[in-house]
């Protein structure tokens, strides 16, 4: 296994890097990385079910969809991510959460944190989660990745992932739903350690655990290809919103009511009660995504556009 040093903080680049490495590297890799503030939903999730979209849009926190399944997580500069790229010998044992989480747990235990694996993919201390994990198989390779909440902004985390008002849309679908659990920052459990020290100690421990002796960085050409993938896929609303399983959307505000049938992210059927009904035909067939709605109304009908954004769940 090789340690890949990767210092980019752009969340789109980082998710694209995971896909690029999984599909193009033949070596087994460990990568530790961090992203700026962002909400990352699982591959088979629906952002309208998982994310407080008005809050994240107001606070300019981007929503991304990752390659692997599982639940929604929050990234920021206080969150440390680990990614393992492995080539298992036995095809019937491709996904091995314990194999990759146990060294992380042993590291936390060495720091006097009573961390354990709960279920197949959550690391907890007491009854509070400090790490979520997921995996993705590509041919004979597997990506296993997880989070470590060190000193994340838990206010942003909670408000980004929680529908605090009864006035949120009703969404009926068959997507994978996140399980809401209490979370805790590692720094609260060991207040005497800095994030940099924690990061360095974690890296050293994992290098020893997986017998890593080689280190490399991404080449200029590899970074160029990753940036292209980030732009074409991970920044694309067709992937972020359009990949959601089909859903029924109902939202009623003080003045308006809307009902949608959405397939492959696009509005197939629409019914609006109220003064905004005249925009039904404009909205039919477009991607149910904030950028698409803004693009449609930002010049000719900015006031109606703002009202429609709210009605459509943004």
Foldseek 3Di string as FASTA:
>chain_A
DAEAEDEDAAPLLVLLLLVCCLVPPPDKYKYKYAHAWAKEAEQAAACLQFWLVVVCVVVVHYYWYHDWGAGMFIGHPQKMKMKIKDQDPDPVPQDDQCVPVVLVCVLLVVVVFNWDDDDRFFIAGPFATQKGWTKDDDDRMMMIMMMGRAPDPVVCGDNTGDDPDPQRKDKDFDTDYHDDGHHDHSCVVVVPDDPVRVVVSSVVSVCVVVVHDHYDYDDPVRSVVSVVCSVVAGVDCLSRRLSHAWMWIWGDDPFKIKIFTAHSQATQDIAMPHPCRVCRVVRHGDGLDLVRLCVSAVPPNVPVSVVVCVNSRD
